[in-house]
Amino acid sequence: MRAQLRRGGVAESVIDDAVLILSELLSNACKHGRPLGDALSGDGDVRAAWRVDPSGRLIVEVTDGGGPTRPAPATPSVTAHGGRGLNIITALADDWGVRDDIRGEVTVWVVVHADVYDPDAGHRRDDFATRVTAPAVSQIPGLDFADAFDDMD
C-alpha cells in the first residue's frame, strides 16, 4: 500500500494515516468478522482494497464474512487493552461507514482524505496529536509527585 500510494503522489502524512487505518480495519476483521466464503474460522480470507478515486479521495476498504455485531466506536476504560480502533479511524479520517453485501459480506470503508492532491492533505496528523497529548504532570493543579509516597515507610 505504502509503495503504491507513494508512486501515485500521495502525501507521506496521508500514507501514514492510511497504513494505520488499514491495520486497524484488518485487525477488526480478523477479531470480529467471519472469513469470506465457506472457510472455517481461522482458515479464511478477508479482502483489503485501496484507491484514489477520480476526485482525489483516498478510500480504504476491508471486507470480511460478517460477524455477530456491527462495527461501532467503543468507549473503552482507561486500562482496556483494546476497543480504540474505530475511534482512531474517526479521528484520522474524513468519513467512514459500513456496507453490507447480499452474500453476507461486510465492508468497512474509510475516506482517509477527501483530496490527496491538496497541499495541506496531511493536516490531521498534527491536529490528532494535539488532541490526545496529556498535560505535563507539573501542570496538573493539586498533584505533587511526593504525595504518592506519603504513606510509605
N, C-alpha and C. Protein backbone atom coordinates (compact mmCIF):
# COMPACT_ATOMS: atom_id res chain seq x y z
N MET A 1 0.83 -1.19 0.00
CA MET A 1 0.00 0.00 0.00
C MET A 1 0.87 1.25 0.00
N ARG A 2 1.84 1.27 0.92
CA ARG A 2 2.70 2.45 1.03
C ARG A 2 3.40 2.74 -0.30
N ALA A 3 3.98 1.71 -0.91
CA ALA A 3 4.70 1.90 -2.17
C ALA A 3 3.77 2.37 -3.29
N GLN A 4 2.60 1.79 -3.39
CA GLN A 4 1.66 2.19 -4.44
C GLN A 4 1.20 3.63 -4.26
N LEU A 5 0.89 4.02 -3.03
CA LEU A 5 0.44 5.39 -2.80
C LEU A 5 1.56 6.40 -3.04
N ARG A 6 2.79 6.05 -2.67
CA ARG A 6 3.92 6.94 -2.97
C ARG A 6 4.06 7.15 -4.45
N ARG A 7 4.00 6.04 -5.22
CA ARG A 7 4.11 6.16 -6.68
C ARG A 7 2.99 7.02 -7.25
N GLY A 8 1.84 7.04 -6.57
CA GLY A 8 0.71 7.85 -7.02
C GLY A 8 0.78 9.30 -6.60
N GLY A 9 1.83 9.68 -5.87
CA GLY A 9 2.00 11.08 -5.48
C GLY A 9 1.23 11.49 -4.25
N VAL A 10 0.81 10.54 -3.44
CA VAL A 10 0.06 10.86 -2.22
C VAL A 10 1.04 11.35 -1.15
N ALA A 11 0.64 12.37 -0.39
CA ALA A 11 1.48 12.94 0.66
C ALA A 11 1.83 11.87 1.70
N GLU A 12 3.06 11.93 2.20
CA GLU A 12 3.54 10.93 3.17
C GLU A 12 2.68 10.88 4.43
N SER A 13 2.22 12.02 4.92
CA SER A 13 1.40 12.02 6.13
C SER A 13 0.06 11.33 5.88
N VAL A 14 -0.49 11.47 4.69
CA VAL A 14 -1.74 10.79 4.34
C VAL A 14 -1.48 9.28 4.23
N ILE A 15 -0.34 8.91 3.67
CA ILE A 15 0.01 7.49 3.57
C ILE A 15 0.14 6.88 4.96
N ASP A 16 0.79 7.59 5.88
CA ASP A 16 0.92 7.10 7.25
C ASP A 16 -0.44 6.84 7.88
N ASP A 17 -1.37 7.78 7.69
CA ASP A 17 -2.73 7.60 8.21
C ASP A 17 -3.40 6.39 7.56
N ALA A 18 -3.23 6.25 6.26
CA ALA A 18 -3.87 5.15 5.53
C ALA A 18 -3.35 3.79 6.01
N VAL A 19 -2.05 3.70 6.25
CA VAL A 19 -1.46 2.44 6.73
C VAL A 19 -2.00 2.10 8.11
N LEU A 20 -2.08 3.08 9.00
CA LEU A 20 -2.63 2.83 10.33
C LEU A 20 -4.10 2.42 10.24
N ILE A 21 -4.85 3.09 9.40
CA ILE A 21 -6.27 2.76 9.23
C ILE A 21 -6.43 1.36 8.67
N LEU A 22 -5.64 0.99 7.68
CA LEU A 22 -5.72 -0.36 7.13
C LEU A 22 -5.40 -1.39 8.21
N SER A 23 -4.40 -1.13 9.01
CA SER A 23 -4.04 -2.04 10.10
C SER A 23 -5.19 -2.23 11.07
N GLU A 24 -5.84 -1.14 11.45
CA GLU A 24 -6.98 -1.22 12.38
C GLU A 24 -8.14 -2.00 11.75
N LEU A 25 -8.43 -1.73 10.48
CA LEU A 25 -9.53 -2.44 9.81
C LEU A 25 -9.24 -3.93 9.70
N LEU A 26 -8.02 -4.30 9.35
CA LEU A 26 -7.66 -5.71 9.24
C LEU A 26 -7.73 -6.39 10.60
N SER A 27 -7.26 -5.72 11.64
CA SER A 27 -7.34 -6.28 12.99
C SER A 27 -8.78 -6.54 13.39
N ASN A 28 -9.65 -5.57 13.14
CA ASN A 28 -11.07 -5.74 13.48
C ASN A 28 -11.70 -6.88 12.69
N ALA A 29 -11.37 -6.98 11.40
CA ALA A 29 -11.94 -8.05 10.57
C ALA A 29 -11.51 -9.42 11.08
N CYS A 30 -10.24 -9.54 11.46
CA CYS A 30 -9.74 -10.82 11.97
C CYS A 30 -10.32 -11.16 13.34
N LYS A 31 -10.54 -10.14 14.15
CA LYS A 31 -11.03 -10.38 15.51
C LYS A 31 -12.54 -10.58 15.57
N HIS A 32 -13.30 -9.79 14.79
CA HIS A 32 -14.75 -9.77 14.93
C HIS A 32 -15.52 -10.38 13.77
N GLY A 33 -14.89 -10.49 12.60
CA GLY A 33 -15.60 -10.97 11.42
C GLY A 33 -15.35 -12.43 11.14
N ARG A 34 -16.21 -12.99 10.32
CA ARG A 34 -16.00 -14.35 9.83
C ARG A 34 -15.20 -14.27 8.53
N PRO A 35 -14.54 -15.37 8.17
CA PRO A 35 -13.81 -15.36 6.91
C PRO A 35 -14.76 -15.28 5.72
N LEU A 36 -14.26 -14.83 4.60
CA LEU A 36 -15.03 -14.81 3.36
C LEU A 36 -15.26 -16.24 2.87
N GLY A 37 -16.36 -16.47 2.21
CA GLY A 37 -16.65 -17.77 1.63
C GLY A 37 -17.05 -18.79 2.67
N ASP A 38 -16.76 -20.07 2.38
CA ASP A 38 -17.18 -21.16 3.24
C ASP A 38 -16.06 -21.68 4.14
N ALA A 39 -14.97 -20.96 4.26
CA ALA A 39 -13.84 -21.42 5.05
C ALA A 39 -14.19 -21.46 6.53
N LEU A 40 -13.55 -22.36 7.24
CA LEU A 40 -13.72 -22.43 8.68
C LEU A 40 -13.01 -21.25 9.32
N SER A 41 -13.47 -20.87 10.49
CA SER A 41 -12.84 -19.77 11.21
C SER A 41 -11.35 -20.04 11.38
N GLY A 42 -10.54 -19.05 11.08
CA GLY A 42 -9.09 -19.18 11.15
C GLY A 42 -8.46 -19.64 9.86
N ASP A 43 -9.27 -20.15 8.91
CA ASP A 43 -8.72 -20.64 7.65
C ASP A 43 -9.12 -19.78 6.46
N GLY A 44 -9.88 -18.73 6.69
CA GLY A 44 -10.42 -17.97 5.57
C GLY A 44 -9.68 -16.69 5.28
N ASP A 45 -10.27 -15.94 4.39
CA ASP A 45 -9.66 -14.70 3.92
C ASP A 45 -10.51 -13.50 4.28
N VAL A 46 -9.87 -12.37 4.30
CA VAL A 46 -10.53 -11.07 4.26
C VAL A 46 -9.96 -10.37 3.03
N ARG A 47 -10.65 -9.34 2.57
CA ARG A 47 -10.21 -8.64 1.35
C ARG A 47 -9.92 -7.19 1.72
N ALA A 48 -8.77 -6.69 1.30
CA ALA A 48 -8.41 -5.29 1.51
C ALA A 48 -8.24 -4.62 0.16
N ALA A 49 -8.67 -3.39 0.06
CA ALA A 49 -8.54 -2.63 -1.19
C ALA A 49 -8.34 -1.16 -0.85
N TRP A 50 -7.65 -0.45 -1.72
CA TRP A 50 -7.49 1.00 -1.59
C TRP A 50 -7.37 1.60 -2.96
N ARG A 51 -7.79 2.86 -3.05
CA ARG A 51 -7.73 3.54 -4.34
C ARG A 51 -7.86 5.05 -4.12
N VAL A 52 -7.31 5.78 -5.07
CA VAL A 52 -7.57 7.21 -5.13
C VAL A 52 -8.57 7.37 -6.25
N ASP A 53 -9.78 7.83 -5.91
CA ASP A 53 -10.82 7.93 -6.94
C ASP A 53 -10.59 9.17 -7.81
N PRO A 54 -11.36 9.33 -8.89
CA PRO A 54 -11.13 10.45 -9.83
C PRO A 54 -11.20 11.83 -9.19
N SER A 55 -11.91 11.97 -8.06
CA SER A 55 -11.99 13.29 -7.42
C SER A 55 -10.85 13.52 -6.43
N GLY A 56 -9.93 12.52 -6.28
CA GLY A 56 -8.78 12.69 -5.41
C GLY A 56 -8.96 12.15 -4.00
N ARG A 57 -10.08 11.47 -3.73
CA ARG A 57 -10.30 10.90 -2.40
C ARG A 57 -9.56 9.57 -2.27
N LEU A 58 -8.84 9.39 -1.16
CA LEU A 58 -8.21 8.11 -0.87
C LEU A 58 -9.19 7.28 -0.04
N ILE A 59 -9.56 6.13 -0.58
CA ILE A 59 -10.54 5.26 0.06
C ILE A 59 -9.88 3.92 0.36
N VAL A 60 -10.04 3.46 1.59
CA VAL A 60 -9.53 2.16 2.03
C VAL A 60 -10.74 1.33 2.45
N GLU A 61 -10.76 0.05 2.03
CA GLU A 61 -11.87 -0.85 2.37
C GLU A 61 -11.33 -2.19 2.83
N VAL A 62 -12.00 -2.78 3.81
CA VAL A 62 -11.72 -4.15 4.22
C VAL A 62 -13.05 -4.88 4.30
N THR A 63 -13.10 -6.07 3.67
CA THR A 63 -14.32 -6.87 3.60
C THR A 63 -14.07 -8.21 4.28
N ASP A 64 -15.02 -8.61 5.13
CA ASP A 64 -14.98 -9.94 5.75
C ASP A 64 -16.34 -10.60 5.59
N GLY A 65 -16.50 -11.78 6.15
CA GLY A 65 -17.73 -12.54 6.01
C GLY A 65 -18.83 -12.14 6.97
N GLY A 66 -18.71 -11.01 7.61
CA GLY A 66 -19.73 -10.56 8.57
C GLY A 66 -19.44 -11.10 9.95
N GLY A 67 -20.17 -10.64 10.90
CA GLY A 67 -19.96 -11.07 12.28
C GLY A 67 -21.21 -10.88 13.10
N PRO A 68 -21.14 -11.21 14.38
CA PRO A 68 -22.32 -11.12 15.24
C PRO A 68 -22.70 -9.69 15.62
N THR A 69 -21.79 -8.73 15.45
CA THR A 69 -22.08 -7.34 15.81
C THR A 69 -21.73 -6.42 14.64
N ARG A 70 -22.26 -5.22 14.69
CA ARG A 70 -21.95 -4.20 13.69
C ARG A 70 -20.75 -3.37 14.17
N PRO A 71 -19.88 -2.97 13.26
CA PRO A 71 -18.77 -2.10 13.66
C PRO A 71 -19.30 -0.77 14.20
N ALA A 72 -18.85 -0.42 15.40
CA ALA A 72 -19.25 0.84 16.03
C ALA A 72 -18.15 1.26 17.00
N PRO A 73 -17.86 2.56 17.08
CA PRO A 73 -16.84 3.01 18.04
C PRO A 73 -17.25 2.64 19.46
N ALA A 74 -16.26 2.22 20.25
CA ALA A 74 -16.50 1.82 21.63
C ALA A 74 -16.04 2.93 22.57
N THR A 75 -16.35 2.77 23.83
CA THR A 75 -15.86 3.66 24.88
C THR A 75 -15.12 2.81 25.89
N PRO A 76 -13.87 2.45 25.58
CA PRO A 76 -13.13 1.56 26.47
C PRO A 76 -12.67 2.27 27.74
N SER A 77 -12.46 1.50 28.79
CA SER A 77 -11.90 2.07 30.02
C SER A 77 -10.45 2.46 29.76
N VAL A 78 -9.90 3.24 30.66
CA VAL A 78 -8.52 3.69 30.52
C VAL A 78 -7.56 2.51 30.51
N THR A 79 -7.89 1.44 31.24
CA THR A 79 -7.00 0.29 31.34
C THR A 79 -7.28 -0.80 30.32
N ALA A 80 -8.29 -0.63 29.48
CA ALA A 80 -8.64 -1.64 28.48
C ALA A 80 -7.50 -1.83 27.49
N HIS A 81 -7.33 -3.07 27.04
CA HIS A 81 -6.26 -3.39 26.08
C HIS A 81 -6.69 -3.19 24.64
N GLY A 82 -7.92 -2.85 24.38
CA GLY A 82 -8.39 -2.67 23.02
C GLY A 82 -9.63 -1.80 23.00
N GLY A 83 -10.28 -1.75 21.84
CA GLY A 83 -11.52 -1.01 21.72
C GLY A 83 -11.38 0.42 21.24
N ARG A 84 -10.19 0.80 20.80
CA ARG A 84 -9.98 2.18 20.37
C ARG A 84 -9.84 2.34 18.86
N GLY A 85 -9.83 1.24 18.12
CA GLY A 85 -9.54 1.27 16.69
C GLY A 85 -10.45 2.17 15.89
N LEU A 86 -11.76 2.03 16.05
CA LEU A 86 -12.67 2.87 15.26
C LEU A 86 -12.63 4.33 15.72
N ASN A 87 -12.29 4.57 16.98
CA ASN A 87 -12.11 5.96 17.43
C ASN A 87 -10.87 6.58 16.79
N ILE A 88 -9.82 5.80 16.64
CA ILE A 88 -8.62 6.28 15.94
C ILE A 88 -8.97 6.59 14.49
N ILE A 89 -9.70 5.68 13.86
CA ILE A 89 -10.11 5.89 12.46
C ILE A 89 -10.96 7.14 12.33
N THR A 90 -11.90 7.33 13.25
CA THR A 90 -12.76 8.52 13.23
C THR A 90 -11.92 9.80 13.34
N ALA A 91 -10.88 9.77 14.18
CA ALA A 91 -10.03 10.95 14.37
C ALA A 91 -9.18 11.25 13.14
N LEU A 92 -8.75 10.20 12.44
CA LEU A 92 -7.83 10.40 11.31
C LEU A 92 -8.52 10.60 9.98
N ALA A 93 -9.71 10.05 9.81
CA ALA A 93 -10.36 10.00 8.50
C ALA A 93 -11.36 11.14 8.31
N ASP A 94 -11.69 11.39 7.05
CA ASP A 94 -12.75 12.35 6.74
C ASP A 94 -14.13 11.73 6.90
N ASP A 95 -14.25 10.42 6.67
CA ASP A 95 -15.54 9.74 6.78
C ASP A 95 -15.30 8.24 6.80
N TRP A 96 -16.25 7.48 7.33
CA TRP A 96 -16.19 6.03 7.26
C TRP A 96 -17.60 5.48 7.43
N GLY A 97 -17.77 4.24 7.03
CA GLY A 97 -19.07 3.61 7.16
C GLY A 97 -19.00 2.12 6.90
N VAL A 98 -20.17 1.50 6.89
CA VAL A 98 -20.26 0.05 6.72
C VAL A 98 -21.23 -0.24 5.59
N ARG A 99 -20.85 -1.18 4.72
CA ARG A 99 -21.70 -1.58 3.60
C ARG A 99 -21.90 -3.10 3.68
N ASP A 100 -23.16 -3.52 3.58
CA ASP A 100 -23.50 -4.95 3.60
C ASP A 100 -23.71 -5.44 2.18
N ASP A 101 -23.30 -6.68 1.95
CA ASP A 101 -23.47 -7.33 0.66
C ASP A 101 -24.54 -8.41 0.80
N ILE A 102 -25.21 -8.72 -0.27
CA ILE A 102 -26.27 -9.72 -0.25
C ILE A 102 -25.77 -11.10 0.18
N ARG A 103 -24.46 -11.37 -0.03
CA ARG A 103 -23.89 -12.67 0.35
C ARG A 103 -23.52 -12.74 1.82
N GLY A 104 -23.81 -11.68 2.57
CA GLY A 104 -23.47 -11.65 3.99
C GLY A 104 -22.13 -11.00 4.28
N GLU A 105 -21.43 -10.58 3.24
CA GLU A 105 -20.15 -9.92 3.44
C GLU A 105 -20.37 -8.51 3.99
N VAL A 106 -19.43 -8.05 4.79
CA VAL A 106 -19.48 -6.71 5.37
C VAL A 106 -18.20 -5.98 4.99
N THR A 107 -18.36 -4.78 4.45
CA THR A 107 -17.21 -3.95 4.08
C THR A 107 -17.22 -2.70 4.93
N VAL A 108 -16.11 -2.45 5.60
CA VAL A 108 -15.92 -1.17 6.29
C VAL A 108 -15.05 -0.32 5.36
N TRP A 109 -15.57 0.85 4.99
CA TRP A 109 -14.86 1.74 4.08
C TRP A 109 -14.49 3.02 4.83
N VAL A 110 -13.37 3.58 4.42
CA VAL A 110 -12.87 4.80 5.06
C VAL A 110 -12.39 5.76 3.98
N VAL A 111 -12.86 6.99 4.02
CA VAL A 111 -12.28 8.06 3.20
C VAL A 111 -11.17 8.66 4.05
N VAL A 112 -9.95 8.27 3.73
CA VAL A 112 -8.80 8.71 4.52
C VAL A 112 -8.62 10.22 4.38
N HIS A 113 -8.71 10.70 3.15
CA HIS A 113 -8.62 12.13 2.92
C HIS A 113 -9.40 12.47 1.66
N ALA A 114 -10.12 13.58 1.71
CA ALA A 114 -11.00 13.95 0.60
C ALA A 114 -10.26 14.48 -0.62
N ASP A 115 -9.01 14.92 -0.47
CA ASP A 115 -8.25 15.40 -1.63
C ASP A 115 -6.77 15.21 -1.35
N VAL A 116 -6.23 14.07 -1.79
CA VAL A 116 -4.82 13.77 -1.52
C VAL A 116 -3.87 14.67 -2.29
N TYR A 117 -4.37 15.44 -3.24
CA TYR A 117 -3.52 16.34 -4.00
C TYR A 117 -3.52 17.75 -3.42
N ASP A 118 -4.30 17.98 -2.37
CA ASP A 118 -4.31 19.26 -1.67
C ASP A 118 -2.98 19.42 -0.94
N PRO A 119 -2.33 20.58 -1.03
CA PRO A 119 -1.04 20.76 -0.35
C PRO A 119 -1.12 20.58 1.16
N ASP A 120 -2.30 20.77 1.75
CA ASP A 120 -2.49 20.60 3.19
C ASP A 120 -3.09 19.24 3.52
N ALA A 121 -2.87 18.25 2.67
CA ALA A 121 -3.53 16.95 2.81
C ALA A 121 -3.21 16.24 4.11
N GLY A 122 -2.12 16.52 4.76
CA GLY A 122 -1.77 15.81 5.98
C GLY A 122 -2.09 16.56 7.26
N HIS A 123 -2.99 17.52 7.22
CA HIS A 123 -3.24 18.36 8.38
C HIS A 123 -3.75 17.61 9.60
N ARG A 124 -4.39 16.48 9.42
CA ARG A 124 -4.98 15.77 10.55
C ARG A 124 -3.95 15.21 11.52
N ARG A 125 -2.79 14.84 11.03
CA ARG A 125 -1.79 14.23 11.92
C ARG A 125 -1.44 15.17 13.07
N ASP A 126 -1.11 16.43 12.81
CA ASP A 126 -0.78 17.37 13.87
C ASP A 126 -1.99 17.62 14.76
N ASP A 127 -3.15 17.76 14.16
CA ASP A 127 -4.37 18.01 14.91
C ASP A 127 -4.66 16.85 15.85
N PHE A 128 -4.51 15.62 15.37
CA PHE A 128 -4.77 14.44 16.19
C PHE A 128 -3.79 14.39 17.37
N ALA A 129 -2.53 14.63 17.11
CA ALA A 129 -1.53 14.57 18.17
C ALA A 129 -1.82 15.61 19.25
N THR A 130 -2.29 16.76 18.87
CA THR A 130 -2.62 17.80 19.84
C THR A 130 -3.79 17.37 20.71
N ARG A 131 -4.78 16.74 20.13
CA ARG A 131 -5.97 16.37 20.89
C ARG A 131 -5.70 15.27 21.91
N VAL A 132 -4.75 14.39 21.66
CA VAL A 132 -4.55 13.26 22.56
C VAL A 132 -3.36 13.45 23.51
N THR A 133 -2.64 14.56 23.43
CA THR A 133 -1.50 14.79 24.29
C THR A 133 -1.98 15.18 25.68
N ALA A 134 -1.48 14.48 26.67
CA ALA A 134 -1.83 14.78 28.07
C ALA A 134 -0.96 15.95 28.56
N PRO A 135 -1.47 16.71 29.53
CA PRO A 135 -0.66 17.79 30.08
C PRO A 135 0.50 17.22 30.90
N ALA A 136 1.54 18.00 31.05
CA ALA A 136 2.66 17.59 31.90
C ALA A 136 2.19 17.47 33.34
N VAL A 137 2.76 16.55 34.09
CA VAL A 137 2.37 16.34 35.49
C VAL A 137 2.51 17.64 36.27
N SER A 138 3.55 18.41 35.98
CA SER A 138 3.78 19.67 36.69
C SER A 138 2.67 20.69 36.45
N GLN A 139 1.87 20.50 35.40
CA GLN A 139 0.80 21.45 35.07
C GLN A 139 -0.55 21.04 35.66
N ILE A 140 -0.63 19.90 36.33
CA ILE A 140 -1.89 19.45 36.91
C ILE A 140 -1.98 19.99 38.32
N PRO A 141 -2.98 20.88 38.59
CA PRO A 141 -3.08 21.50 39.91
C PRO A 141 -3.38 20.46 40.99
N GLY A 142 -2.74 20.63 42.13
CA GLY A 142 -3.02 19.76 43.27
C GLY A 142 -2.33 18.42 43.21
N LEU A 143 -1.51 18.17 42.22
CA LEU A 143 -0.83 16.89 42.10
C LEU A 143 0.65 17.10 42.38
N ASP A 144 1.12 16.49 43.43
CA ASP A 144 2.53 16.59 43.79
C ASP A 144 3.11 15.19 43.78
N PHE A 145 4.20 15.01 43.08
CA PHE A 145 4.82 13.69 42.93
C PHE A 145 5.09 13.06 44.30
N ALA A 146 5.54 13.84 45.25
CA ALA A 146 5.89 13.31 46.57
C ALA A 146 4.65 12.81 47.32
N ASP A 147 3.46 13.35 47.04
CA ASP A 147 2.24 12.91 47.72
C ASP A 147 1.99 11.42 47.57
N ALA A 148 2.40 10.86 46.45
CA ALA A 148 2.16 9.44 46.20
C ALA A 148 2.93 8.57 47.18
N PHE A 149 3.99 9.09 47.81
CA PHE A 149 4.83 8.30 48.69
C PHE A 149 4.64 8.63 50.17
N ASP A 150 3.67 9.46 50.51
CA ASP A 150 3.46 9.88 51.90
C ASP A 150 3.14 8.71 52.84
N ASP A 151 2.43 7.71 52.36
CA ASP A 151 2.00 6.61 53.23
C ASP A 151 3.03 5.49 53.32
N MET A 152 4.13 5.62 52.62
CA MET A 152 5.14 4.55 52.63
C MET A 152 6.11 4.74 53.78
N ASP A 153 6.52 3.63 54.36
CA ASP A 153 7.51 3.70 55.47
C ASP A 153 8.91 3.72 54.92
